[in-house]
Amino acid sequence: MQIFRCPACSSPVYFHNLACGCGQEVSFDPDAQTMVAGAPHCANRDEIACNWVAEQGGLCRSCAMTETVPDLRAEQNLPLWADSELAKRRMLAELARWGWFTPADPGARPVFRMLSEETLHGEADVIMGHANGIITINVTEASDAVLAHRQEQFDELYRTMLGHMRHEMAHFLFLRLAEDPAFLDDFRARFGDERADYTAALQQHYDAPKERGPEYITTYATAHPHEDWAETLAHLQHLVSMLDSGLASGLRLPDFPAEGYDAFLEADTEALITRAVHLSIAVNHVNRALDLPDLYPFVLTQPVREKMALAHRWLRRV
């Protein structure tokens, strides 16, 4: 993610900021990818600290995609919803740099159902997922305590709200891309036939997970071609965002390109991945000095890199 500049004093402003230290209120314009002053605020600004520019109807582009919000009568749900929406805005802002969901993009938009396991009337069962353009997000996992428990429970130490957003959005992007028969030909050649019984495949996965092996980025990716795609595309987004954020912060290694390089404009997937991995190794070295976890604890094999290259090409739609 970029670091922005205050339109009044040019001081650094970060993606989540509502105002600069100088007192200037700011809003994020997802098309210009800048912070602006004087634009109409999203109607959710006061409630969930949404700092995006309002569009038609008073909501910003991101909030307008949310069809259902959690039960706000259960008081813990408001901050969980706010944190979940922030992750969604970050994901959407970065996808916009590849042209997704901008005014120039005529395709369908996803619909989000932001639900919580906690309601005024007791606990509810909420399953994260995507179905026919509707993405269901369990905002309960925005809680640090719940997230830490489920990271251990499911042996997914990289399980995060932003990771969920990127994974479920990948399923939606598959629907959009599958409108082109050429994509399906490419997809099936690399990921397998997505027409295989999904329910049966997931049941088999939970009953007896396959060994991950060199073909897959995660164990969950082995369950079905749809999940392989979603995990691969999510990790590609992790890597591009990590590299983009590192460069924006001034972090550079000797083999990095000159200042002004834009990771979202890079067409060479192998170069992109390699730079991101080199950056992660450098940060890992710093983290270990403080006894902190590795930044990106995954090994990217050649088959996984080839899948990422296919996903990257179609994500860029060139």
C-alpha atoms as a PDB file:
ATOM      1  CA  MET A   1       0.000   0.000   0.000  1.00  0.00           C
ATOM      2  CA  GLN A   2       1.197   3.471  -0.833  1.00  0.00           C
ATOM      3  CA  ILE A   3       1.882   6.200   1.712  1.00  0.00           C
ATOM      4  CA  PHE A   4      -0.112   9.283   0.766  1.00  0.00           C
ATOM      5  CA  ARG A   5       0.405  13.021   1.206  1.00  0.00           C
ATOM      6  CA  CYS A   6      -1.830  15.477   2.976  1.00  0.00           C
ATOM      7  CA  PRO A   7      -3.385  17.826   0.401  1.00  0.00           C
ATOM      8  CA  ALA A   8      -2.865  20.757   2.796  1.00  0.00           C
ATOM      9  CA  CYS A   9       0.648  20.328   4.196  1.00  0.00           C
ATOM     10  CA  SER A  10       2.138  17.372   2.251  1.00  0.00           C
ATOM     11  CA  SER A  11       2.864  15.386   5.413  1.00  0.00           C
ATOM     12  CA  PRO A  12       2.587  11.603   5.178  1.00  0.00           C
ATOM     13  CA  VAL A  13      -0.959  10.258   5.488  1.00  0.00           C
ATOM     14  CA  TYR A  14      -1.746   6.569   5.799  1.00  0.00           C
ATOM     15  CA  PHE A  15      -4.511   4.535   4.216  1.00  0.00           C
ATOM     16  CA  HIS A  16      -6.682   4.402   7.334  1.00  0.00           C
ATOM     17  CA  ASN A  17      -6.321   8.074   8.328  1.00  0.00           C
ATOM     18  CA  LEU A  18      -9.356  10.340   8.630  1.00  0.00           C
ATOM     19  CA  ALA A  19      -7.220  13.444   9.096  1.00  0.00           C
ATOM     20  CA  CYS A  20      -3.640  14.650   8.919  1.00  0.00           C
ATOM     21  CA  GLY A  21      -1.728  15.742  12.007  1.00  0.00           C
ATOM     22  CA  CYS A  22      -2.127  19.323  10.770  1.00  0.00           C
ATOM     23  CA  GLY A  23      -5.889  19.004  11.295  1.00  0.00           C
ATOM     24  CA  GLN A  24      -6.914  18.680   7.656  1.00  0.00           C
ATOM     25  CA  GLU A  25      -9.684  16.102   7.160  1.00  0.00           C
ATOM     26  CA  VAL A  26      -8.943  13.742   4.285  1.00  0.00           C
ATOM     27  CA  SER A  27     -10.828  11.178   2.218  1.00  0.00           C
ATOM     28  CA  PHE A  28      -9.456   8.465  -0.025  1.00  0.00           C
ATOM     29  CA  ASP A  29     -10.303   8.648  -3.724  1.00  0.00           C
ATOM     30  CA  PRO A  30      -9.975   5.071  -5.076  1.00  0.00           C
ATOM     31  CA  ASP A  31      -9.809   6.199  -8.709  1.00  0.00           C
ATOM     32  CA  ALA A  32      -7.100   8.817  -8.236  1.00  0.00           C
ATOM     33  CA  GLN A  33      -5.452   6.682  -5.518  1.00  0.00           C
ATOM     34  CA  THR A  34      -4.875   9.815  -3.468  1.00  0.00           C
ATOM     35  CA  MET A  35      -6.078  11.490  -0.300  1.00  0.00           C
ATOM     36  CA  VAL A  36      -8.242  14.516  -1.034  1.00  0.00           C
ATOM     37  CA  ALA A  37      -9.786  17.341   0.980  1.00  0.00           C
ATOM     38  CA  GLY A  38     -13.279  18.757   0.647  1.00  0.00           C
ATOM     39  CA  ALA A  39     -14.856  15.703  -0.987  1.00  0.00           C
ATOM     40  CA  PRO A  40     -18.171  14.353   0.309  1.00  0.00           C
ATOM     41  CA  HIS A  41     -17.611  11.823   3.099  1.00  0.00           C
ATOM     42  CA  CYS A  42     -18.957   8.279   3.066  1.00  0.00           C
ATOM     43  CA  ALA A  43     -22.095   8.033   5.210  1.00  0.00           C
ATOM     44  CA  ASN A  44     -20.307   5.390   7.337  1.00  0.00           C
ATOM     45  CA  ARG A  45     -17.441   7.704   8.287  1.00  0.00           C
ATOM     46  CA  ASP A  46     -18.615   8.414  11.835  1.00  0.00           C
ATOM     47  CA  GLU A  47     -19.849   4.887  12.556  1.00  0.00           C
ATOM     48  CA  ILE A  48     -16.984   2.713  11.267  1.00  0.00           C
ATOM     49  CA  ALA A  49     -14.290   5.296  10.420  1.00  0.00           C
ATOM     50  CA  CYS A  50     -14.692   4.791   6.673  1.00  0.00           C
ATOM     51  CA  ASN A  51     -12.507   7.443   5.082  1.00  0.00           C
ATOM     52  CA  TRP A  52     -13.487   6.941   1.426  1.00  0.00           C
ATOM     53  CA  VAL A  53     -15.147   9.498  -0.821  1.00  0.00           C
ATOM     54  CA  ALA A  54     -18.917   9.147  -1.047  1.00  0.00           C
ATOM     55  CA  GLU A  55     -20.428   8.133  -4.352  1.00  0.00           C
ATOM     56  CA  GLN A  56     -24.048   7.883  -5.466  1.00  0.00           C
ATOM     57  CA  GLY A  57     -26.387   7.281  -2.525  1.00  0.00           C
ATOM     58  CA  GLY A  58     -24.027   8.707   0.081  1.00  0.00           C
ATOM     59  CA  LEU A  59     -21.967   5.561   0.570  1.00  0.00           C
ATOM     60  CA  CYS A  60     -18.482   4.998  -0.796  1.00  0.00           C
ATOM     61  CA  ARG A  61     -17.767   2.335  -3.394  1.00  0.00           C
ATOM     62  CA  SER A  62     -16.676  -0.188  -0.779  1.00  0.00           C
ATOM     63  CA  CYS A  63     -19.520   0.325   1.698  1.00  0.00           C
ATOM     64  CA  ALA A  64     -22.073   0.222  -1.141  1.00  0.00           C
ATOM     65  CA  MET A  65     -21.002  -3.399  -1.753  1.00  0.00           C
ATOM     66  CA  THR A  66     -22.082  -4.381   1.769  1.00  0.00           C
ATOM     67  CA  GLU A  67     -25.652  -5.644   1.704  1.00  0.00           C
ATOM     68  CA  THR A  68     -25.860  -6.931   5.276  1.00  0.00           C
ATOM     69  CA  VAL A  69     -24.128  -5.703   8.431  1.00  0.00           C
ATOM     70  CA  PRO A  70     -23.723  -7.621  11.710  1.00  0.00           C
ATOM     71  CA  ASP A  71     -26.238  -7.281  14.514  1.00  0.00           C
ATOM     72  CA  LEU A  72     -25.137  -3.950  15.982  1.00  0.00           C
ATOM     73  CA  ARG A  73     -27.344  -4.439  19.035  1.00  0.00           C
ATOM     74  CA  ALA A  74     -24.541  -6.726  20.233  1.00  0.00           C
ATOM     75  CA  GLU A  75     -22.094  -3.977  21.144  1.00  0.00           C
ATOM     76  CA  GLN A  76     -18.886  -5.864  20.346  1.00  0.00           C
ATOM     77  CA  ASN A  77     -19.907  -6.109  16.688  1.00  0.00           C
ATOM     78  CA  LEU A  78     -19.404  -2.456  15.770  1.00  0.00           C
ATOM     79  CA  PRO A  79     -15.575  -2.447  16.139  1.00  0.00           C
ATOM     80  CA  LEU A  80     -15.379  -5.900  14.506  1.00  0.00           C
ATOM     81  CA  TRP A  81     -17.403  -4.649  11.536  1.00  0.00           C
ATOM     82  CA  ALA A  82     -15.209  -1.541  11.324  1.00  0.00           C
ATOM     83  CA  ASP A  83     -12.006  -3.612  11.273  1.00  0.00           C
ATOM     84  CA  SER A  84     -13.449  -5.984   8.669  1.00  0.00           C
ATOM     85  CA  GLU A  85     -14.522  -3.123   6.411  1.00  0.00           C
ATOM     86  CA  LEU A  86     -11.029  -1.619   6.665  1.00  0.00           C
ATOM     87  CA  ALA A  87      -9.585  -4.908   5.375  1.00  0.00           C
ATOM     88  CA  LYS A  88     -12.145  -4.885   2.558  1.00  0.00           C
ATOM     89  CA  ARG A  89     -11.244  -1.313   1.582  1.00  0.00           C
ATOM     90  CA  ARG A  90      -7.558  -2.177   1.476  1.00  0.00           C
ATOM     91  CA  MET A  91      -8.231  -5.155  -0.792  1.00  0.00           C
ATOM     92  CA  LEU A  92     -10.483  -3.135  -3.106  1.00  0.00           C
ATOM     93  CA  ALA A  93      -8.069  -0.199  -3.287  1.00  0.00           C
ATOM     94  CA  GLU A  94      -5.291  -2.492  -4.453  1.00  0.00           C
ATOM     95  CA  LEU A  95      -7.499  -4.319  -6.961  1.00  0.00           C
ATOM     96  CA  ALA A  96      -8.433  -0.906  -8.376  1.00  0.00           C
ATOM     97  CA  ARG A  97      -4.783  -0.445  -9.331  1.00  0.00           C
ATOM     98  CA  TRP A  98      -5.322  -3.310 -11.772  1.00  0.00           C
ATOM     99  CA  GLY A  99      -8.554  -1.706 -12.969  1.00  0.00           C
ATOM    100  CA  TRP A 100     -11.061  -3.821 -11.045  1.00  0.00           C
ATOM    101  CA  PHE A 101     -14.379  -2.250  -9.973  1.00  0.00           C
ATOM    102  CA  THR A 102     -13.468   1.203 -11.266  1.00  0.00           C
ATOM    103  CA  PRO A 103     -15.865   3.310 -13.372  1.00  0.00           C
ATOM    104  CA  ALA A 104     -14.092   1.952 -16.462  1.00  0.00           C
ATOM    105  CA  ASP A 105     -14.835  -1.643 -15.397  1.00  0.00           C
ATOM    106  CA  PRO A 106     -18.301  -2.604 -16.746  1.00  0.00           C
ATOM    107  CA  GLY A 107     -18.449  -5.987 -15.040  1.00  0.00           C
ATOM    108  CA  ALA A 108     -20.482  -7.179 -12.071  1.00  0.00           C
ATOM    109  CA  ARG A 109     -19.654  -6.143  -8.513  1.00  0.00           C
ATOM    110  CA  PRO A 110     -19.601  -8.487  -5.522  1.00  0.00           C
ATOM    111  CA  VAL A 111     -22.138  -8.274  -2.715  1.00  0.00           C
ATOM    112  CA  PHE A 112     -20.882  -8.642   0.864  1.00  0.00           C
ATOM    113  CA  ARG A 113     -22.761 -10.056   3.833  1.00  0.00           C
ATOM    114  CA  MET A 114     -20.859  -8.993   6.965  1.00  0.00           C
ATOM    115  CA  LEU A 115     -22.136 -11.267   9.732  1.00  0.00           C
ATOM    116  CA  SER A 116     -21.128 -12.049  13.303  1.00  0.00           C
ATOM    117  CA  GLU A 117     -21.368 -15.154  15.435  1.00  0.00           C
ATOM    118  CA  GLU A 118     -22.602 -12.899  18.235  1.00  0.00           C
ATOM    119  CA  THR A 119     -26.133 -11.503  18.072  1.00  0.00           C
ATOM    120  CA  LEU A 120     -28.489  -9.955  20.594  1.00  0.00           C
ATOM    121  CA  HIS A 121     -30.278 -13.308  20.824  1.00  0.00           C
ATOM    122  CA  GLY A 122     -27.195 -15.496  21.216  1.00  0.00           C
ATOM    123  CA  GLU A 123     -24.622 -17.223  19.066  1.00  0.00           C
ATOM    124  CA  ALA A 124     -25.148 -17.775  15.336  1.00  0.00           C
ATOM    125  CA  ASP A 125     -23.363 -20.080  12.911  1.00  0.00           C
ATOM    126  CA  VAL A 126     -21.507 -18.055  10.262  1.00  0.00           C
ATOM    127  CA  ILE A 127     -19.513 -19.719   7.500  1.00  0.00           C
ATOM    128  CA  MET A 128     -17.127 -17.647   5.407  1.00  0.00           C
ATOM    129  CA  GLY A 129     -17.572 -18.217   1.719  1.00  0.00           C
ATOM    130  CA  HIS A 130     -18.598 -17.146  -1.754  1.00  0.00           C
ATOM    131  CA  ALA A 131     -21.666 -18.224  -3.692  1.00  0.00           C
ATOM    132  CA  ASN A 132     -22.962 -16.722  -6.930  1.00  0.00           C
ATOM    133  CA  GLY A 133     -21.441 -13.298  -6.392  1.00  0.00           C
ATOM    134  CA  ILE A 134     -22.258 -13.055  -2.671  1.00  0.00           C
ATOM    135  CA  ILE A 135     -19.320 -13.027  -0.250  1.00  0.00           C
ATOM    136  CA  THR A 136     -20.052 -13.874   3.390  1.00  0.00           C
ATOM    137  CA  ILE A 137     -17.543 -12.603   5.932  1.00  0.00           C
ATOM    138  CA  ASN A 138     -17.492 -13.608   9.602  1.00  0.00           C
ATOM    139  CA  VAL A 139     -16.491 -10.359  11.331  1.00  0.00           C
ATOM    140  CA  THR A 140     -15.940 -12.280  14.578  1.00  0.00           C
ATOM    141  CA  GLU A 141     -12.521 -13.213  13.209  1.00  0.00           C
ATOM    142  CA  ALA A 142     -11.514  -9.566  13.346  1.00  0.00           C
ATOM    143  CA  SER A 143     -11.134 -10.169  17.091  1.00  0.00           C
ATOM    144  CA  ASP A 144      -7.475 -10.784  17.974  1.00  0.00           C
ATOM    145  CA  ALA A 145      -8.402 -13.442  20.530  1.00  0.00           C
ATOM    146  CA  VAL A 146     -10.725 -15.346  18.189  1.00  0.00           C
ATOM    147  CA  LEU A 147      -8.259 -15.109  15.332  1.00  0.00           C
ATOM    148  CA  ALA A 148      -5.384 -16.442  17.440  1.00  0.00           C
ATOM    149  CA  HIS A 149      -7.532 -19.375  18.575  1.00  0.00           C
ATOM    150  CA  ARG A 150      -8.556 -20.277  15.023  1.00  0.00           C
ATOM    151  CA  GLN A 151      -5.066 -19.896  13.648  1.00  0.00           C
ATOM    152  CA  GLU A 152      -4.054 -22.649  16.070  1.00  0.00           C
ATOM    153  CA  GLN A 153      -7.280 -24.642  15.661  1.00  0.00           C
ATOM    154  CA  PHE A 154      -6.984 -24.861  11.872  1.00  0.00           C
ATOM    155  CA  ASP A 155      -3.166 -24.819  11.769  1.00  0.00           C
ATOM    156  CA  GLU A 156      -3.317 -21.683   9.622  1.00  0.00           C
ATOM    157  CA  LEU A 157      -0.843 -19.244  11.136  1.00  0.00           C
ATOM    158  CA  TYR A 158      -1.374 -16.890   8.178  1.00  0.00           C
ATOM    159  CA  ARG A 159      -5.149 -16.739   8.735  1.00  0.00           C
ATOM    160  CA  THR A 160      -6.149 -13.033   8.800  1.00  0.00           C
ATOM    161  CA  MET A 161      -9.184 -10.934   7.954  1.00  0.00           C
ATOM    162  CA  LEU A 162      -7.362  -9.429   4.967  1.00  0.00           C
ATOM    163  CA  GLY A 163      -6.430 -12.946   3.874  1.00  0.00           C
ATOM    164  CA  HIS A 164     -10.092 -13.977   4.027  1.00  0.00           C
ATOM    165  CA  MET A 165     -11.060 -10.958   1.944  1.00  0.00           C
ATOM    166  CA  ARG A 166      -8.492 -11.720  -0.727  1.00  0.00           C
ATOM    167  CA  HIS A 167      -9.382 -15.418  -0.811  1.00  0.00           C
ATOM    168  CA  GLU A 168     -13.150 -14.930  -1.128  1.00  0.00           C
ATOM    169  CA  MET A 169     -12.720 -12.145  -3.680  1.00  0.00           C
ATOM    170  CA  ALA A 170     -10.596 -14.537  -5.739  1.00  0.00           C
ATOM    171  CA  HIS A 171     -13.652 -16.783  -6.063  1.00  0.00           C
ATOM    172  CA  PHE A 172     -15.667 -13.835  -7.341  1.00  0.00           C
ATOM    173  CA  LEU A 173     -12.929 -12.849  -9.786  1.00  0.00           C
ATOM    174  CA  PHE A 174     -13.008 -16.395 -11.135  1.00  0.00           C
ATOM    175  CA  LEU A 175     -16.665 -15.838 -12.103  1.00  0.00           C
ATOM    176  CA  ARG A 176     -15.758 -12.620 -13.882  1.00  0.00           C
ATOM    177  CA  LEU A 177     -12.780 -14.118 -15.711  1.00  0.00           C
ATOM    178  CA  ALA A 178     -14.633 -17.319 -16.616  1.00  0.00           C
ATOM    179  CA  GLU A 179     -16.813 -15.271 -18.964  1.00  0.00           C
ATOM    180  CA  ASP A 180     -13.841 -15.601 -21.340  1.00  0.00           C
ATOM    181  CA  PRO A 181     -13.447 -19.195 -22.649  1.00  0.00           C
ATOM    182  CA  ALA A 182      -9.725 -18.599 -23.070  1.00  0.00           C
ATOM    183  CA  PHE A 183      -9.400 -18.169 -19.312  1.00  0.00           C
ATOM    184  CA  LEU A 184     -11.098 -21.491 -18.635  1.00  0.00           C
ATOM    185  CA  ASP A 185      -8.746 -23.244 -21.061  1.00  0.00           C
ATOM    186  CA  ASP A 186      -5.738 -21.732 -19.279  1.00  0.00           C
ATOM    187  CA  PHE A 187      -7.189 -22.423 -15.853  1.00  0.00           C
ATOM    188  CA  ARG A 188      -7.965 -26.093 -16.473  1.00  0.00           C
ATOM    189  CA  ALA A 189      -4.548 -26.730 -17.961  1.00  0.00           C
ATOM    190  CA  ARG A 190      -2.832 -25.421 -14.827  1.00  0.00           C
ATOM    191  CA  PHE A 191      -5.288 -25.837 -11.917  1.00  0.00           C
ATOM    192  CA  GLY A 192      -7.482 -28.730 -13.061  1.00  0.00           C
ATOM    193  CA  ASP A 193     -11.163 -29.081 -13.911  1.00  0.00           C
ATOM    194  CA  GLU A 194     -13.265 -26.862 -11.637  1.00  0.00           C
ATOM    195  CA  ARG A 195     -16.377 -28.816 -12.657  1.00  0.00           C
ATOM    196  CA  ALA A 196     -15.380 -31.631 -10.274  1.00  0.00           C
ATOM    197  CA  ASP A 197     -17.893 -32.081  -7.435  1.00  0.00           C
ATOM    198  CA  TYR A 198     -17.026 -29.301  -5.008  1.00  0.00           C
ATOM    199  CA  THR A 199     -19.022 -30.548  -2.002  1.00  0.00           C
ATOM    200  CA  ALA A 200     -17.585 -34.048  -2.245  1.00  0.00           C
ATOM    201  CA  ALA A 201     -14.056 -32.665  -2.681  1.00  0.00           C
ATOM    202  CA  LEU A 202     -14.324 -30.504   0.453  1.00  0.00           C
ATOM    203  CA  GLN A 203     -15.733 -33.373   2.472  1.00  0.00           C
ATOM    204  CA  GLN A 204     -12.856 -35.568   1.369  1.00  0.00           C
ATOM    205  CA  HIS A 205     -10.425 -32.792   2.280  1.00  0.00           C
ATOM    206  CA  TYR A 206     -11.776 -32.460   5.808  1.00  0.00           C
ATOM    207  CA  ASP A 207     -11.942 -36.236   6.268  1.00  0.00           C
ATOM    208  CA  ALA A 208      -8.422 -36.913   4.983  1.00  0.00           C
ATOM    209  CA  PRO A 209      -6.401 -33.886   3.829  1.00  0.00           C
ATOM    210  CA  LYS A 210      -3.894 -34.543   1.058  1.00  0.00           C
ATOM    211  CA  GLU A 211      -0.210 -33.884   1.468  1.00  0.00           C
ATOM    212  CA  ARG A 212       0.482 -30.402   0.179  1.00  0.00           C
ATOM    213  CA  GLY A 213       3.444 -31.324  -1.980  1.00  0.00           C
ATOM    214  CA  PRO A 214       5.229 -28.920  -4.344  1.00  0.00           C
ATOM    215  CA  GLU A 215       2.147 -28.224  -6.508  1.00  0.00           C
ATOM    216  CA  TYR A 216       0.227 -26.197  -3.926  1.00  0.00           C
ATOM    217  CA  ILE A 217       0.773 -23.046  -1.875  1.00  0.00           C
ATOM    218  CA  THR A 218      -1.253 -24.365   1.115  1.00  0.00           C
ATOM    219  CA  THR A 219      -2.878 -27.596   2.241  1.00  0.00           C
ATOM    220  CA  TYR A 220      -6.322 -26.102   1.669  1.00  0.00           C
ATOM    221  CA  ALA A 221      -5.373 -25.473  -1.970  1.00  0.00           C
ATOM    222  CA  THR A 222      -5.275 -29.257  -2.503  1.00  0.00           C
ATOM    223  CA  ALA A 223      -9.021 -29.573  -1.814  1.00  0.00           C
ATOM    224  CA  HIS A 224     -10.364 -28.484  -5.215  1.00  0.00           C
ATOM    225  CA  PRO A 225      -9.248 -26.409  -8.239  1.00  0.00           C
ATOM    226  CA  HIS A 226     -11.453 -23.530  -7.028  1.00  0.00           C
ATOM    227  CA  GLU A 227      -9.614 -23.445  -3.692  1.00  0.00           C
ATOM    228  CA  ASP A 228      -6.232 -23.815  -5.380  1.00  0.00           C
ATOM    229  CA  TRP A 229      -7.071 -20.743  -7.478  1.00  0.00           C
ATOM    230  CA  ALA A 230      -8.356 -18.738  -4.496  1.00  0.00           C
ATOM    231  CA  GLU A 231      -5.330 -19.550  -2.334  1.00  0.00           C
ATOM    232  CA  THR A 232      -2.887 -18.863  -5.183  1.00  0.00           C
ATOM    233  CA  LEU A 233      -4.469 -15.549  -6.143  1.00  0.00           C
ATOM    234  CA  ALA A 234      -4.704 -14.443  -2.504  1.00  0.00           C
ATOM    235  CA  HIS A 235      -1.012 -15.155  -2.008  1.00  0.00           C
ATOM    236  CA  LEU A 236      -0.123 -13.312  -5.180  1.00  0.00           C
ATOM    237  CA  GLN A 237      -1.967 -10.293  -3.778  1.00  0.00           C
ATOM    238  CA  HIS A 238      -0.126 -10.713  -0.449  1.00  0.00           C
ATOM    239  CA  LEU A 239       3.214 -10.615  -2.243  1.00  0.00           C
ATOM    240  CA  VAL A 240       2.432  -7.633  -4.471  1.00  0.00           C
ATOM    241  CA  SER A 241       1.024  -5.680  -1.538  1.00  0.00           C
ATOM    242  CA  MET A 242       4.022  -6.532   0.630  1.00  0.00           C
ATOM    243  CA  LEU A 243       6.456  -5.380  -2.049  1.00  0.00           C
ATOM    244  CA  ASP A 244       4.447  -2.237  -2.798  1.00  0.00           C
ATOM    245  CA  SER A 245       4.240  -1.342   0.909  1.00  0.00           C
ATOM    246  CA  GLY A 246       7.917  -2.000   1.483  1.00  0.00           C
ATOM    247  CA  LEU A 247       8.941   0.216  -1.417  1.00  0.00           C
ATOM    248  CA  ALA A 248       6.543   2.953  -0.265  1.00  0.00           C
ATOM    249  CA  SER A 249       8.250   2.839   3.140  1.00  0.00           C
ATOM    250  CA  GLY A 250      11.667   3.329   1.555  1.00  0.00           C
ATOM    251  CA  LEU A 251      12.868  -0.258   1.939  1.00  0.00           C
ATOM    252  CA  ARG A 252      15.168  -1.262  -0.902  1.00  0.00           C
ATOM    253  CA  LEU A 253      17.629  -4.042  -1.538  1.00  0.00           C
ATOM    254  CA  PRO A 254      20.622  -3.806  -3.893  1.00  0.00           C
ATOM    255  CA  ASP A 255      18.871  -5.700  -6.718  1.00  0.00           C
ATOM    256  CA  PHE A 256      15.686  -3.615  -6.540  1.00  0.00           C
ATOM    257  CA  PRO A 257      14.682  -1.297  -9.405  1.00  0.00           C
ATOM    258  CA  ALA A 258      15.042   2.463  -9.193  1.00  0.00           C
ATOM    259  CA  GLU A 259      12.715   4.702  -7.208  1.00  0.00           C
ATOM    260  CA  GLY A 260       9.348   5.104  -8.919  1.00  0.00           C
ATOM    261  CA  TYR A 261       8.906   1.389  -9.577  1.00  0.00           C
ATOM    262  CA  ASP A 262       5.244   0.323  -9.315  1.00  0.00           C
ATOM    263  CA  ALA A 263       4.700  -3.304  -8.324  1.00  0.00           C
ATOM    264  CA  PHE A 264       1.159  -3.172  -9.699  1.00  0.00           C
ATOM    265  CA  LEU A 265       2.467  -2.290 -13.168  1.00  0.00           C
ATOM    266  CA  GLU A 266       5.050  -5.070 -13.222  1.00  0.00           C
ATOM    267  CA  ALA A 267       4.324  -7.602 -15.977  1.00  0.00           C
ATOM    268  CA  ASP A 268       7.121 -10.049 -15.123  1.00  0.00           C
ATOM    269  CA  THR A 269       5.628 -12.278 -12.421  1.00  0.00           C
ATOM    270  CA  GLU A 270       8.887 -14.067 -11.705  1.00  0.00           C
ATOM    271  CA  ALA A 271      10.702 -10.777 -11.093  1.00  0.00           C
ATOM    272  CA  LEU A 272       7.816  -9.560  -8.943  1.00  0.00           C
ATOM    273  CA  ILE A 273       7.760 -12.697  -6.792  1.00  0.00           C
ATOM    274  CA  THR A 274      11.534 -12.798  -6.459  1.00  0.00           C
ATOM    275  CA  ARG A 275      11.699  -9.193  -5.236  1.00  0.00           C
ATOM    276  CA  ALA A 276       8.897  -9.809  -2.736  1.00  0.00           C
ATOM    277  CA  VAL A 277      10.619 -12.930  -1.417  1.00  0.00           C
ATOM    278  CA  HIS A 278      13.950 -11.100  -1.070  1.00  0.00           C
ATOM    279  CA  LEU A 279      12.182  -8.342   0.873  1.00  0.00           C
ATOM    280  CA  SER A 280      10.481 -10.893   3.144  1.00  0.00           C
ATOM    281  CA  ILE A 281      13.799 -12.623   3.868  1.00  0.00           C
ATOM    282  CA  ALA A 282      15.342  -9.291   4.873  1.00  0.00           C
ATOM    283  CA  VAL A 283      12.422  -8.487   7.191  1.00  0.00           C
ATOM    284  CA  ASN A 284      12.552 -12.047   8.584  1.00  0.00           C
ATOM    285  CA  HIS A 285      16.144 -11.363   9.640  1.00  0.00           C
ATOM    286  CA  VAL A 286      15.012  -8.244  11.516  1.00  0.00           C
ATOM    287  CA  ASN A 287      12.014 -10.023  13.072  1.00  0.00           C
ATOM    288  CA  ARG A 288      14.194 -12.842  14.368  1.00  0.00           C
ATOM    289  CA  ALA A 289      16.299 -10.278  16.221  1.00  0.00           C
ATOM    290  CA  LEU A 290      13.144  -9.519  18.211  1.00  0.00           C
ATOM    291  CA  ASP A 291      11.943 -13.146  18.409  1.00  0.00           C
ATOM    292  CA  LEU A 292       8.968 -12.357  16.154  1.00  0.00           C
ATOM    293  CA  PRO A 293       7.425 -14.673  13.519  1.00  0.00           C
ATOM    294  CA  ASP A 294       8.632 -14.647   9.940  1.00  0.00           C
ATOM    295  CA  LEU A 295       6.853 -12.143   7.715  1.00  0.00           C
ATOM    296  CA  TYR A 296       5.988 -14.580   4.931  1.00  0.00           C
ATOM    297  CA  PRO A 297       6.588 -18.206   6.027  1.00  0.00           C
ATOM    298  CA  PHE A 298       5.992 -19.930   2.690  1.00  0.00           C
ATOM    299  CA  VAL A 299       8.266 -21.589   0.151  1.00  0.00           C
ATOM    300  CA  LEU A 300       7.276 -20.776  -3.429  1.00  0.00           C
ATOM    301  CA  THR A 301       8.045 -23.805  -5.578  1.00  0.00           C
ATOM    302  CA  GLN A 302       8.280 -23.615  -9.354  1.00  0.00           C
ATOM    303  CA  PRO A 303       4.808 -25.143  -9.927  1.00  0.00           C
ATOM    304  CA  VAL A 304       3.294 -22.576  -7.541  1.00  0.00           C
ATOM    305  CA  ARG A 305       5.155 -19.757  -9.281  1.00  0.00           C
ATOM    306  CA  GLU A 306       3.741 -20.929 -12.617  1.00  0.00           C
ATOM    307  CA  LYS A 307       0.231 -20.858 -11.205  1.00  0.00           C
ATOM    308  CA  MET A 308       0.860 -17.366  -9.870  1.00  0.00           C
ATOM    309  CA  ALA A 309       2.086 -16.277 -13.295  1.00  0.00           C
ATOM    310  CA  LEU A 310      -1.162 -17.439 -14.886  1.00  0.00           C
ATOM    311  CA  ALA A 311      -3.245 -15.731 -12.174  1.00  0.00           C
ATOM    312  CA  HIS A 312      -1.186 -12.545 -12.478  1.00  0.00           C
ATOM    313  CA  ARG A 313      -1.637 -12.358 -16.240  1.00  0.00           C
ATOM    314  CA  TRP A 314      -5.397 -12.706 -15.984  1.00  0.00           C
ATOM    315  CA  LEU A 315      -5.661 -10.416 -12.981  1.00  0.00           C
ATOM    316  CA  ARG A 316      -3.951  -7.734 -15.044  1.00  0.00           C
ATOM    317  CA  ARG A 317      -6.241  -8.617 -18.005  1.00  0.00           C
ATOM    318  CA  VAL A 318      -3.596  -7.967 -20.665  1.00  0.00           C
END
